[in-house]
Amino acid sequence: MFAASFPLAPALALIFNIIDFRIDSRRLLWWNRRPTPYRDNDIVDFEEDKTVSDNWTIIELPAVCGFP
């Protein structure tokens, strides 16, 4: 019914949908890119985290098993 009163409405809707599709596709491809890999020299942070986790386990496990 609106097309009868404004004949350019379907053409404008098609143009706007094409533009919107292109913008959304670029945005989707930009946000979902794979992270850029980089090389580290060592794994110091991992070793520190593992040491803290190991020490916490040594304290926590006897406490949980001994005091139910």
Protein backbone atom coordinates (compact mmCIF):
# COMPACT_ATOMS: atom_id res chain seq x y z
CA MET A 1 0.00 0.00 0.00
CA PHE A 2 2.88 2.35 0.79
CA ALA A 3 4.50 1.58 -2.58
CA ALA A 4 1.47 3.00 -4.36
CA SER A 5 1.82 6.35 -2.57
CA PHE A 6 5.63 6.49 -2.75
CA PRO A 7 6.93 4.49 -5.72
CA LEU A 8 10.60 4.87 -4.77
CA ALA A 9 10.14 3.17 -1.39
CA PRO A 10 11.09 -0.37 -2.55
CA ALA A 11 14.16 0.92 -4.41
CA LEU A 12 15.29 2.98 -1.41
CA ALA A 13 14.69 0.05 0.92
CA LEU A 14 16.81 -2.18 -1.33
CA ILE A 15 19.63 0.38 -1.43
CA PHE A 16 19.58 0.87 2.35
CA ASN A 17 19.51 -2.89 2.93
CA ILE A 18 22.53 -3.39 0.66
CA ILE A 19 24.43 -0.65 2.47
CA ASP A 20 23.44 -2.07 5.86
CA PHE A 21 24.50 -5.57 4.78
CA ARG A 22 27.93 -4.35 3.71
CA ILE A 23 28.46 -2.41 6.94
CA ASP A 24 27.36 -5.37 9.07
CA SER A 25 29.55 -7.80 7.16
CA ARG A 26 32.62 -5.60 7.57
CA ARG A 27 31.89 -5.15 11.26
CA LEU A 28 31.40 -8.90 11.72
CA LEU A 29 34.64 -9.71 9.92
CA TRP A 30 36.55 -7.07 11.87
CA TRP A 31 35.35 -8.19 15.31
CA ASN A 32 35.76 -11.94 14.67
CA ARG A 33 39.31 -11.90 13.35
CA ARG A 34 41.86 -14.31 14.70
CA PRO A 35 44.19 -12.75 17.25
CA THR A 36 47.61 -11.75 16.01
CA PRO A 37 50.16 -14.29 17.26
CA TYR A 38 53.29 -13.06 18.94
CA ARG A 39 56.34 -14.89 20.25
CA ASP A 40 57.43 -14.80 23.89
CA ASN A 41 60.91 -15.52 25.11
CA ASP A 42 59.89 -17.51 28.17
CA ILE A 43 56.95 -18.72 30.23
CA VAL A 44 57.72 -16.94 33.50
CA ASP A 45 54.12 -15.80 34.10
CA PHE A 46 52.81 -19.34 33.68
CA GLU A 47 55.43 -20.73 36.07
CA GLU A 48 54.57 -18.12 38.71
CA ASP A 49 50.84 -18.84 38.39
CA LYS A 50 51.49 -22.57 38.62
CA THR A 51 53.63 -22.14 41.74
CA VAL A 52 50.92 -20.06 43.45
CA SER A 53 48.27 -22.61 42.46
CA ASP A 54 50.38 -25.51 43.75
CA ASN A 55 51.01 -23.78 47.07
CA TRP A 56 47.32 -22.96 47.47
CA THR A 57 46.42 -26.60 46.77
CA ILE A 58 48.83 -27.80 49.46
CA ILE A 59 47.08 -25.55 51.99
CA GLU A 60 43.50 -26.01 50.81
CA LEU A 61 43.26 -29.77 50.25
CA PRO A 62 44.06 -30.91 53.83
CA ALA A 63 41.77 -28.17 55.17
CA VAL A 64 38.85 -29.34 53.02
CA CYS A 65 39.44 -33.04 53.72
CA GLY A 66 40.08 -32.56 57.44
CA PHE A 67 37.18 -30.20 58.21
CA PRO A 68 34.07 -31.31 56.34
